[in-house]
PDB file of all heavy atoms in Angstrom:
ATOM      1  N   ALA A   1      18.350 -10.054   1.940  1.00  0.00           N
ATOM      2  CA  ALA A   1      17.107 -10.748   1.584  1.00  0.00           C
ATOM      3  C   ALA A   1      17.129 -11.200   0.134  1.00  0.00           C
ATOM      4  O   ALA A   1      16.659 -12.303  -0.203  1.00  0.00           O
ATOM      5  CB  ALA A   1      15.904  -9.838   1.829  1.00  0.00           C
ATOM      6  N   VAL A   2      17.693 -10.377  -0.751  1.00  0.00           N
ATOM      7  CA  VAL A   2      17.801 -10.760  -2.161  1.00  0.00           C
ATOM      8  C   VAL A   2      18.721 -11.971  -2.296  1.00  0.00           C
ATOM      9  O   VAL A   2      18.440 -12.890  -3.082  1.00  0.00           O
ATOM     10  CB  VAL A   2      18.312  -9.573  -3.006  1.00  0.00           C
ATOM     11  CG1 VAL A   2      18.702 -10.033  -4.415  1.00  0.00           C
ATOM     12  CG2 VAL A   2      17.249  -8.487  -3.094  1.00  0.00           C
ATOM     13  N   ARG A   3      19.805 -12.009  -1.534  1.00  0.00           N
ATOM     14  CA  ARG A   3      20.698 -13.177  -1.566  1.00  0.00           C
ATOM     15  C   ARG A   3      19.961 -14.433  -1.119  1.00  0.00           C
ATOM     16  O   ARG A   3      20.143 -15.508  -1.705  1.00  0.00           O
ATOM     17  CB  ARG A   3      21.923 -12.939  -0.680  1.00  0.00           C
ATOM     18  CG  ARG A   3      22.955 -12.003  -1.290  1.00  0.00           C
ATOM     19  CD  ARG A   3      24.256 -12.036  -0.502  1.00  0.00           C
ATOM     20  NE  ARG A   3      25.234 -11.143  -1.111  1.00  0.00           N
ATOM     21  CZ  ARG A   3      25.370  -9.865  -0.793  1.00  0.00           C
ATOM     22  NH1 ARG A   3      24.588  -9.343   0.146  1.00  0.00           N
ATOM     23  NH2 ARG A   3      26.260  -9.107  -1.389  1.00  0.00           N
ATOM     24  N   ARG A   4      19.148 -14.309  -0.062  1.00  0.00           N
ATOM     25  CA  ARG A   4      18.377 -15.464   0.392  1.00  0.00           C
ATOM     26  C   ARG A   4      17.422 -15.929  -0.700  1.00  0.00           C
ATOM     27  O   ARG A   4      17.275 -17.126  -0.957  1.00  0.00           O
ATOM     28  CB  ARG A   4      17.605 -15.127   1.672  1.00  0.00           C
ATOM     29  CG  ARG A   4      18.438 -15.186   2.931  1.00  0.00           C
ATOM     30  CD  ARG A   4      17.570 -15.144   4.177  1.00  0.00           C
ATOM     31  NE  ARG A   4      16.995 -13.819   4.381  1.00  0.00           N
ATOM     32  CZ  ARG A   4      17.594 -12.836   5.042  1.00  0.00           C
ATOM     33  NH1 ARG A   4      18.793 -13.021   5.563  1.00  0.00           N
ATOM     34  NH2 ARG A   4      16.997 -11.673   5.196  1.00  0.00           N
ATOM     35  N   PHE A   5      16.771 -14.970  -1.342  1.00  0.00           N
ATOM     36  CA  PHE A   5      15.853 -15.296  -2.434  1.00  0.00           C
ATOM     37  C   PHE A   5      16.599 -15.985  -3.570  1.00  0.00           C
ATOM     38  O   PHE A   5      16.140 -16.993  -4.123  1.00  0.00           O
ATOM     39  CB  PHE A   5      15.161 -14.020  -2.938  1.00  0.00           C
ATOM     40  CG  PHE A   5      14.238 -14.245  -4.097  1.00  0.00           C
ATOM     41  CD1 PHE A   5      12.903 -14.563  -3.892  1.00  0.00           C
ATOM     42  CD2 PHE A   5      14.700 -14.156  -5.410  1.00  0.00           C
ATOM     43  CE1 PHE A   5      12.045 -14.791  -4.959  1.00  0.00           C
ATOM     44  CE2 PHE A   5      13.858 -14.377  -6.483  1.00  0.00           C
ATOM     45  CZ  PHE A   5      12.522 -14.697  -6.256  1.00  0.00           C
ATOM     46  N   GLN A   6      17.749 -15.453  -3.943  1.00  0.00           N
ATOM     47  CA  GLN A   6      18.527 -16.025  -5.041  1.00  0.00           C
ATOM     48  C   GLN A   6      18.984 -17.440  -4.712  1.00  0.00           C
ATOM     49  O   GLN A   6      18.929 -18.327  -5.575  1.00  0.00           O
ATOM     50  CB  GLN A   6      19.733 -15.120  -5.337  1.00  0.00           C
ATOM     51  CG  GLN A   6      19.340 -13.792  -5.978  1.00  0.00           C
ATOM     52  CD  GLN A   6      20.478 -12.783  -6.012  1.00  0.00           C
ATOM     53  OE1 GLN A   6      21.336 -12.775  -5.132  1.00  0.00           O
ATOM     54  NE2 GLN A   6      20.483 -11.916  -7.022  1.00  0.00           N
ATOM     55  N   LYS A   7      19.408 -17.674  -3.478  1.00  0.00           N
ATOM     56  CA  LYS A   7      19.840 -19.010  -3.090  1.00  0.00           C
ATOM     57  C   LYS A   7      18.684 -19.998  -3.192  1.00  0.00           C
ATOM     58  O   LYS A   7      18.855 -21.121  -3.679  1.00  0.00           O
ATOM     59  CB  LYS A   7      20.396 -18.987  -1.661  1.00  0.00           C
ATOM     60  CG  LYS A   7      20.943 -20.338  -1.210  1.00  0.00           C
ATOM     61  CD  LYS A   7      21.572 -20.243   0.176  1.00  0.00           C
ATOM     62  CE  LYS A   7      22.162 -21.587   0.591  1.00  0.00           C
ATOM     63  NZ  LYS A   7      22.808 -21.512   1.920  1.00  0.00           N
ATOM     64  N   ARG A   8      17.494 -19.577  -2.740  1.00  0.00           N
ATOM     65  CA  ARG A   8      16.320 -20.472  -2.782  1.00  0.00           C
ATOM     66  C   ARG A   8      15.885 -20.796  -4.206  1.00  0.00           C
ATOM     67  O   ARG A   8      15.194 -21.777  -4.438  1.00  0.00           O
ATOM     68  CB  ARG A   8      15.131 -19.833  -2.050  1.00  0.00           C
ATOM     69  CG  ARG A   8      15.294 -19.707  -0.566  1.00  0.00           C
ATOM     70  CD  ARG A   8      13.976 -19.384   0.127  1.00  0.00           C
ATOM     71  NE  ARG A   8      13.301 -18.209  -0.373  1.00  0.00           N
ATOM     72  CZ  ARG A   8      12.171 -18.241  -1.062  1.00  0.00           C
ATOM     73  NH1 ARG A   8      11.595 -19.396  -1.372  1.00  0.00           N
ATOM     74  NH2 ARG A   8      11.605 -17.114  -1.465  1.00  0.00           N
ATOM     75  N   HIS A   9      16.281 -19.958  -5.158  1.00  0.00           N
ATOM     76  CA  HIS A   9      15.867 -20.154  -6.545  1.00  0.00           C
ATOM     77  C   HIS A   9      17.009 -20.601  -7.458  1.00  0.00           C
ATOM     78  O   HIS A   9      16.876 -20.590  -8.681  1.00  0.00           O
ATOM     79  CB  HIS A   9      15.228 -18.864  -7.081  1.00  0.00           C
ATOM     80  CG  HIS A   9      13.906 -18.544  -6.429  1.00  0.00           C
ATOM     81  ND1 HIS A   9      13.818 -18.025  -5.168  1.00  0.00           N
ATOM     82  CD2 HIS A   9      12.627 -18.705  -6.868  1.00  0.00           C
ATOM     83  CE1 HIS A   9      12.543 -17.852  -4.848  1.00  0.00           C
ATOM     84  NE2 HIS A   9      11.809 -18.270  -5.846  1.00  0.00           N
ATOM     85  N   GLY A  10      18.133 -21.001  -6.850  1.00  0.00           N
ATOM     86  CA  GLY A  10      19.242 -21.530  -7.633  1.00  0.00           C
ATOM     87  C   GLY A  10      19.930 -20.499  -8.502  1.00  0.00           C
ATOM     88  O   GLY A  10      20.492 -20.846  -9.549  1.00  0.00           O
ATOM     89  N   LEU A  11      19.921 -19.243  -8.076  1.00  0.00           N
ATOM     90  CA  LEU A  11      20.514 -18.156  -8.853  1.00  0.00           C
ATOM     91  C   LEU A  11      21.832 -17.719  -8.224  1.00  0.00           C
ATOM     92  O   LEU A  11      22.097 -17.991  -7.053  1.00  0.00           O
ATOM     93  CB  LEU A  11      19.550 -16.962  -8.906  1.00  0.00           C
ATOM     94  CG  LEU A  11      18.162 -17.250  -9.468  1.00  0.00           C
ATOM     95  CD1 LEU A  11      17.237 -16.064  -9.234  1.00  0.00           C
ATOM     96  CD2 LEU A  11      18.248 -17.574 -10.957  1.00  0.00           C
ATOM     97  N   GLY A  12      22.654 -17.026  -9.000  1.00  0.00           N
ATOM     98  CA  GLY A  12      23.884 -16.474  -8.459  1.00  0.00           C
ATOM     99  C   GLY A  12      23.571 -15.504  -7.330  1.00  0.00           C
ATOM    100  O   GLY A  12      22.730 -14.608  -7.489  1.00  0.00           O
ATOM    101  N   GLU A  13      24.245 -15.670  -6.195  1.00  0.00           N
ATOM    102  CA  GLU A  13      23.934 -14.875  -4.995  1.00  0.00           C
ATOM    103  C   GLU A  13      24.695 -13.550  -5.020  1.00  0.00           C
ATOM    104  O   GLU A  13      25.711 -13.369  -4.363  1.00  0.00           O
ATOM    105  CB  GLU A  13      24.250 -15.692  -3.748  1.00  0.00           C
ATOM    106  CG  GLU A  13      23.407 -16.952  -3.633  1.00  0.00           C
ATOM    107  CD  GLU A  13      23.861 -17.873  -2.515  1.00  0.00           C
ATOM    108  OE1 GLU A  13      24.202 -17.371  -1.433  1.00  0.00           O
ATOM    109  OE2 GLU A  13      23.892 -19.105  -2.744  1.00  0.00           O
ATOM    110  N   THR A  14      24.166 -12.600  -5.780  1.00  0.00           N
ATOM    111  CA  THR A  14      24.822 -11.307  -5.968  1.00  0.00           C
ATOM    112  C   THR A  14      24.326 -10.231  -5.006  1.00  0.00           C
ATOM    113  O   THR A  14      25.012  -9.244  -4.775  1.00  0.00           O
ATOM    114  CB  THR A  14      24.591 -10.809  -7.406  1.00  0.00           C
ATOM    115  OG1 THR A  14      23.186 -10.591  -7.607  1.00  0.00           O
ATOM    116  CG2 THR A  14      25.091 -11.838  -8.421  1.00  0.00           C
ATOM    117  N   GLY A  15      23.113 -10.397  -4.488  1.00  0.00           N
ATOM    118  CA  GLY A  15      22.527  -9.359  -3.634  1.00  0.00           C
ATOM    119  C   GLY A  15      21.951  -8.201  -4.407  1.00  0.00           C
ATOM    120  O   GLY A  15      21.469  -7.228  -3.819  1.00  0.00           O
ATOM    121  N   THR A  16      21.990  -8.280  -5.734  1.00  0.00           N
ATOM    122  CA  THR A  16      21.395  -7.249  -6.588  1.00  0.00           C
ATOM    123  C   THR A  16      20.326  -7.894  -7.480  1.00  0.00           C
ATOM    124  O   THR A  16      20.393  -9.085  -7.779  1.00  0.00           O
ATOM    125  CB  THR A  16      22.449  -6.578  -7.480  1.00  0.00           C
ATOM    126  OG1 THR A  16      23.048  -7.571  -8.329  1.00  0.00           O
ATOM    127  CG2 THR A  16      23.532  -5.924  -6.637  1.00  0.00           C
ATOM    128  N   VAL A  17      19.363  -7.079  -7.889  1.00  0.00           N
ATOM    129  CA  VAL A  17      18.272  -7.589  -8.729  1.00  0.00           C
ATOM    130  C   VAL A  17      18.676  -7.462 -10.192  1.00  0.00           C
ATOM    131  O   VAL A  17      18.551  -6.399 -10.806  1.00  0.00           O
ATOM    132  CB  VAL A  17      16.952  -6.835  -8.450  1.00  0.00           C
ATOM    133  CG1 VAL A  17      15.837  -7.357  -9.350  1.00  0.00           C
ATOM    134  CG2 VAL A  17      16.548  -6.980  -6.994  1.00  0.00           C
ATOM    135  N   ASN A  18      19.188  -8.559 -10.749  1.00  0.00           N
ATOM    136  CA  ASN A  18      19.528  -8.600 -12.173  1.00  0.00           C
ATOM    137  C   ASN A  18      18.363  -9.202 -12.951  1.00  0.00           C
ATOM    138  O   ASN A  18      17.280  -9.434 -12.409  1.00  0.00           O
ATOM    139  CB  ASN A  18      20.819  -9.400 -12.387  1.00  0.00           C
ATOM    140  CG  ASN A  18      20.752 -10.773 -11.706  1.00  0.00           C
ATOM    141  OD1 ASN A  18      19.681 -11.321 -11.497  1.00  0.00           O
ATOM    142  ND2 ASN A  18      21.913 -11.312 -11.356  1.00  0.00           N
ATOM    143  N   GLY A  19      18.575  -9.483 -14.219  1.00  0.00           N
ATOM    144  CA  GLY A  19      17.488  -9.972 -15.064  1.00  0.00           C
ATOM    145  C   GLY A  19      16.896 -11.285 -14.594  1.00  0.00           C
ATOM    146  O   GLY A  19      15.671 -11.443 -14.511  1.00  0.00           O
ATOM    147  N   ALA A  20      17.765 -12.270 -14.270  1.00  0.00           N
ATOM    148  CA  ALA A  20      17.264 -13.577 -13.849  1.00  0.00           C
ATOM    149  C   ALA A  20      16.514 -13.476 -12.530  1.00  0.00           C
ATOM    150  O   ALA A  20      15.477 -14.129 -12.338  1.00  0.00           O
ATOM    151  CB  ALA A  20      18.434 -14.557 -13.728  1.00  0.00           C
ATOM    152  N   THR A  21      17.021 -12.646 -11.615  1.00  0.00           N
ATOM    153  CA  THR A  21      16.362 -12.476 -10.319  1.00  0.00           C
ATOM    154  C   THR A  21      15.012 -11.786 -10.499  1.00  0.00           C
ATOM    155  O   THR A  21      14.016 -12.156  -9.861  1.00  0.00           O
ATOM    156  CB  THR A  21      17.249 -11.661  -9.368  1.00  0.00           C
ATOM    157  OG1 THR A  21      18.501 -12.328  -9.227  1.00  0.00           O
ATOM    158  CG2 THR A  21      16.610 -11.500  -8.007  1.00  0.00           C
ATOM    159  N   LEU A  22      14.969 -10.789 -11.366  1.00  0.00           N
ATOM    160  CA  LEU A  22      13.714 -10.076 -11.629  1.00  0.00           C
ATOM    161  C   LEU A  22      12.660 -11.026 -12.197  1.00  0.00           C
ATOM    162  O   LEU A  22      11.480 -10.990 -11.797  1.00  0.00           O
ATOM    163  CB  LEU A  22      13.978  -8.927 -12.614  1.00  0.00           C
ATOM    164  CG  LEU A  22      12.876  -7.864 -12.744  1.00  0.00           C
ATOM    165  CD1 LEU A  22      12.701  -7.128 -11.417  1.00  0.00           C
ATOM    166  CD2 LEU A  22      13.228  -6.882 -13.857  1.00  0.00           C
ATOM    167  N   THR A  23      13.077 -11.895 -13.107  1.00  0.00           N
ATOM    168  CA  THR A  23      12.146 -12.870 -13.687  1.00  0.00           C
ATOM    169  C   THR A  23      11.583 -13.781 -12.603  1.00  0.00           C
ATOM    170  O   THR A  23      10.374 -14.043 -12.561  1.00  0.00           O
ATOM    171  CB  THR A  23      12.857 -13.709 -14.760  1.00  0.00           C
ATOM    172  OG1 THR A  23      13.289 -12.846 -15.818  1.00  0.00           O
ATOM    173  CG2 THR A  23      11.924 -14.770 -15.331  1.00  0.00           C
ATOM    174  N   ALA A  24      12.448 -14.262 -11.694  1.00  0.00           N
ATOM    175  CA  ALA A  24      11.991 -15.151 -10.625  1.00  0.00           C
ATOM    176  C   ALA A  24      11.079 -14.424  -9.644  1.00  0.00           C
ATOM    177  O   ALA A  24      10.085 -14.983  -9.161  1.00  0.00           O
ATOM    178  CB  ALA A  24      13.198 -15.740  -9.897  1.00  0.00           C
ATOM    179  N   LEU A  25      11.397 -13.163  -9.334  1.00  0.00           N
ATOM    180  CA  LEU A  25      10.553 -12.382  -8.426  1.00  0.00           C
ATOM    181  C   LEU A  25       9.146 -12.203  -8.973  1.00  0.00           C
ATOM    182  O   LEU A  25       8.167 -12.171  -8.221  1.00  0.00           O
ATOM    183  CB  LEU A  25      11.185 -11.000  -8.177  1.00  0.00           C
ATOM    184  CG  LEU A  25      12.383 -10.929  -7.241  1.00  0.00           C
ATOM    185  CD1 LEU A  25      13.097  -9.587  -7.383  1.00  0.00           C
ATOM    186  CD2 LEU A  25      11.958 -11.134  -5.792  1.00  0.00           C
TER     187      LEU A  25
END
């Protein structure tokens, strides 16, 4: 689910919640 979220937001698809992913969430 995190990978799907990252793809939808143009982020690296790591599957982990890093800083950029946390900001977008």
